[in-house]
Amino acid sequence: MGRVFGLFEKVSRVSVWIGGAMVLFMAFYICVDVLFRKIFNISVRGGDEFSGYVLAIIGGWSFAYALFKKNHVRIDVLYLKLPLKARSFLDILSLLALIGFVLPLTYYSFGVLHKSIVRGSLANTPLQTPLWIPQSLWFAGLLFFSMTLVLFLMGTVYNILKGDLISAYKIAGSSSLKEEVKEEVEAGIS
């Protein structure tokens, strides 16, 4: 299971780097558009449309990376004071709650994509972008996040059933402030 976690983490890391490059490109594109409008009184066009697509795409793909880095918002005031067994129960509950939100979102995003493909939908803009292109990348990101959540749930449950609560905590547990500081210090050293 460690290899699968490693592969998923690597894919999520690469997707975040690609997403960052997309954001930088869009920032440059919008700056060029603003300058061209100011200096030459012409528009490059599409900056607002493409930036919306980029935002949706990187949102879908970055959720898995945030899960690996334990950056999803959790209220852990009491959590860190509870025994490991109680934390494990809450970890499973939080993963199930997130899955309960993300799976329907992924399902309905596929419906949106499918309709766009069947209808040959184009954006209602001068560029008339075929909507299946950004929607397929958005759906793929949500699907990957859904799969990552299921992997986390399976890994957590497996380790709990095996009696290894520490490994279950390492997968799905909320980081303490000490753990976060230690991680930041180690990241700064390397």
Protein backbone atom coordinates (compact mmCIF):
# COMPACT_ATOMS: atom_id res chain seq x y z
CA MET A 1 0.00 0.00 0.00
CA GLY A 2 2.98 2.28 0.56
CA ARG A 3 3.79 2.28 -3.16
CA VAL A 4 0.26 3.31 -4.04
CA PHE A 5 0.40 6.16 -1.50
CA GLY A 6 3.75 7.20 -2.96
CA LEU A 7 2.40 7.18 -6.51
CA PHE A 8 -0.68 9.20 -5.55
CA GLU A 9 1.44 11.70 -3.64
CA LYS A 10 3.79 12.08 -6.60
CA VAL A 11 0.87 12.67 -9.00
CA SER A 12 -0.62 15.23 -6.62
CA ARG A 13 2.73 17.03 -6.29
CA VAL A 14 3.24 17.17 -10.05
CA SER A 15 -0.32 18.41 -10.56
CA VAL A 16 0.26 21.22 -8.06
CA TRP A 17 3.42 22.29 -9.89
CA ILE A 18 1.55 22.27 -13.19
CA GLY A 19 -1.28 24.23 -11.55
CA GLY A 20 1.21 26.80 -10.26
CA ALA A 21 2.67 27.17 -13.75
CA MET A 22 -0.85 27.66 -15.11
CA VAL A 23 -1.52 30.42 -12.58
CA LEU A 24 1.76 32.16 -13.45
CA PHE A 25 0.95 31.90 -17.15
CA MET A 26 -2.51 33.39 -16.57
CA ALA A 27 -1.03 36.25 -14.53
CA PHE A 28 1.38 36.99 -17.39
CA TYR A 29 -1.43 36.68 -19.97
CA ILE A 30 -3.65 39.10 -18.06
CA CYS A 31 -0.77 41.58 -17.59
CA VAL A 32 -0.08 41.50 -21.32
CA ASP A 33 -3.78 42.04 -22.03
CA VAL A 34 -3.95 45.03 -19.65
CA LEU A 35 -0.80 46.57 -21.15
CA PHE A 36 -2.03 46.06 -24.72
CA ARG A 37 -5.35 47.67 -23.86
CA LYS A 38 -3.64 50.63 -22.20
CA ILE A 39 -0.87 51.18 -24.75
CA PHE A 40 -2.33 49.96 -28.07
CA ASN A 41 -6.06 50.08 -27.29
CA ILE A 42 -6.48 46.41 -28.30
CA SER A 43 -7.38 43.35 -26.28
CA VAL A 44 -5.69 39.96 -26.42
CA ARG A 45 -9.03 38.49 -25.24
CA GLY A 46 -9.83 35.44 -23.24
CA GLY A 47 -8.01 36.25 -20.03
CA ASP A 48 -11.13 36.21 -17.90
CA GLU A 49 -12.43 33.03 -19.58
CA PHE A 50 -9.15 31.12 -19.35
CA SER A 51 -8.48 32.22 -15.77
CA GLY A 52 -11.88 30.82 -14.76
CA TYR A 53 -11.01 27.50 -16.36
CA VAL A 54 -7.60 27.48 -14.68
CA LEU A 55 -9.15 28.19 -11.28
CA ALA A 56 -11.59 25.27 -11.61
CA ILE A 57 -8.91 22.89 -12.90
CA ILE A 58 -6.29 23.66 -10.26
CA GLY A 59 -8.97 23.56 -7.56
CA GLY A 60 -9.88 20.01 -8.49
CA TRP A 61 -6.29 18.84 -8.73
CA SER A 62 -4.93 20.61 -5.63
CA PHE A 63 -7.38 19.05 -3.15
CA ALA A 64 -5.48 15.74 -3.12
CA TYR A 65 -2.18 17.51 -2.47
CA ALA A 66 -3.78 19.39 0.43
CA LEU A 67 -4.95 16.06 1.82
CA PHE A 68 -1.42 14.64 1.71
CA LYS A 69 -0.06 17.77 3.39
CA LYS A 70 -2.89 17.78 5.96
CA ASN A 71 -3.94 21.26 4.90
CA HIS A 72 -7.69 20.72 4.84
CA VAL A 73 -9.37 22.70 7.59
CA ARG A 74 -10.01 20.72 10.76
CA ILE A 75 -10.94 21.96 14.17
CA ASP A 76 -8.57 20.10 16.45
CA VAL A 77 -8.84 21.88 19.80
CA LEU A 78 -10.18 18.74 21.51
CA TYR A 79 -8.90 16.26 18.92
CA LEU A 80 -5.26 16.47 20.01
CA LYS A 81 -6.23 15.97 23.68
CA LEU A 82 -8.13 12.73 22.96
CA PRO A 83 -6.61 9.25 23.14
CA LEU A 84 -5.40 7.74 19.87
CA LYS A 85 -8.37 5.37 19.62
CA ALA A 86 -10.87 8.25 19.76
CA ARG A 87 -8.80 10.22 17.24
CA SER A 88 -8.89 7.24 14.88
CA PHE A 89 -12.68 7.20 15.06
CA LEU A 90 -12.80 10.95 14.33
CA ASP A 91 -10.32 10.53 11.44
CA ILE A 92 -12.57 7.92 9.83
CA LEU A 93 -15.60 10.13 10.44
CA SER A 94 -13.90 13.13 8.83
CA LEU A 95 -12.82 11.08 5.80
CA LEU A 96 -16.34 9.72 5.41
CA ALA A 97 -17.80 13.24 5.65
CA LEU A 98 -15.39 14.51 3.00
CA ILE A 99 -16.12 11.51 0.78
CA GLY A 100 -19.84 12.16 1.29
CA PHE A 101 -19.33 15.62 -0.16
CA VAL A 102 -16.77 14.90 -2.87
CA LEU A 103 -18.26 11.75 -4.45
CA PRO A 104 -21.58 13.44 -5.38
CA LEU A 105 -19.64 16.48 -6.61
CA THR A 106 -17.50 14.22 -8.79
CA TYR A 107 -20.54 12.32 -10.03
CA TYR A 108 -22.39 15.49 -11.03
CA SER A 109 -19.28 17.01 -12.59
CA PHE A 110 -19.16 13.97 -14.85
CA GLY A 111 -22.80 14.66 -15.77
CA VAL A 112 -21.87 18.21 -16.74
CA LEU A 113 -18.94 16.94 -18.81
CA HIS A 114 -21.06 14.26 -20.48
CA LYS A 115 -23.74 16.80 -21.48
CA SER A 116 -21.10 19.12 -22.92
CA ILE A 117 -19.64 16.30 -25.00
CA VAL A 118 -23.03 15.04 -26.23
CA ARG A 119 -24.31 18.52 -27.06
CA GLY A 120 -21.02 19.81 -28.43
CA SER A 121 -21.32 22.76 -26.03
CA LEU A 122 -19.21 25.81 -26.64
CA ALA A 123 -18.50 28.67 -24.25
CA ASN A 124 -20.82 31.64 -24.68
CA THR A 125 -17.83 33.88 -25.39
CA PRO A 126 -16.11 35.22 -28.51
CA LEU A 127 -13.55 32.38 -28.25
CA GLN A 128 -16.27 29.69 -28.18
CA THR A 129 -14.06 27.25 -26.32
CA PRO A 130 -15.32 23.66 -26.51
CA LEU A 131 -16.40 23.17 -22.88
CA TRP A 132 -15.42 19.51 -22.75
CA ILE A 133 -11.74 20.53 -22.65
CA PRO A 134 -11.69 22.45 -19.34
CA GLN A 135 -14.49 20.32 -17.89
CA SER A 136 -12.59 17.08 -18.53
CA LEU A 137 -9.53 18.42 -16.72
CA TRP A 138 -11.74 19.64 -13.85
CA PHE A 139 -13.51 16.28 -13.64
CA ALA A 140 -10.19 14.39 -13.75
CA GLY A 141 -8.93 16.42 -10.78
CA LEU A 142 -12.08 15.72 -8.77
CA LEU A 143 -11.92 12.03 -9.70
CA PHE A 144 -8.30 11.85 -8.57
CA PHE A 145 -9.23 13.53 -5.29
CA SER A 146 -12.07 11.07 -4.79
CA MET A 147 -9.73 8.15 -5.39
CA THR A 148 -7.20 9.65 -2.98
CA LEU A 149 -9.85 9.98 -0.29
CA VAL A 150 -10.88 6.36 -0.71
CA LEU A 151 -7.21 5.34 -0.53
CA PHE A 152 -6.79 7.31 2.70
CA LEU A 153 -9.92 5.72 4.17
CA MET A 154 -8.79 2.21 3.20
CA GLY A 155 -5.29 2.79 4.61
CA THR A 156 -6.64 4.21 7.84
CA VAL A 157 -9.18 1.42 8.37
CA TYR A 158 -6.59 -1.23 7.45
CA ASN A 159 -4.12 0.07 10.02
CA ILE A 160 -6.79 0.37 12.71
CA LEU A 161 -7.95 -3.20 12.10
CA LYS A 162 -4.31 -4.30 12.25
CA GLY A 163 -4.02 -2.54 15.61
CA ASP A 164 -1.47 -0.01 14.34
CA LEU A 165 -3.09 3.24 15.50
CA ILE A 166 0.13 5.22 14.98
CA SER A 167 0.22 4.37 11.25
CA ALA A 168 -3.49 5.17 10.97
CA TYR A 169 -2.82 8.53 12.64
CA LYS A 170 0.06 9.24 10.27
CA ILE A 171 -2.26 8.72 7.30
CA ALA A 172 -5.38 10.59 8.36
CA GLY A 173 -4.64 12.36 11.63
CA SER A 174 -4.53 16.08 12.12
CA SER A 175 -1.04 17.47 12.64
CA SER A 176 -0.20 19.09 15.96
CA LEU A 177 1.52 22.45 16.03
CA LYS A 178 4.79 20.72 17.01
CA GLU A 179 4.56 18.39 13.99
CA GLU A 180 3.86 21.31 11.65
CA VAL A 181 6.80 23.33 13.01
CA LYS A 182 9.09 20.29 12.73
CA GLU A 183 7.99 19.75 9.11
CA GLU A 184 8.61 23.43 8.25
CA VAL A 185 12.07 23.37 9.86
CA GLU A 186 12.98 20.19 7.96
CA ALA A 187 11.70 21.72 4.71
CA GLY A 188 13.79 24.83 5.33
CA ILE A 189 16.94 22.80 5.93
CA SER A 190 16.71 20.77 2.73
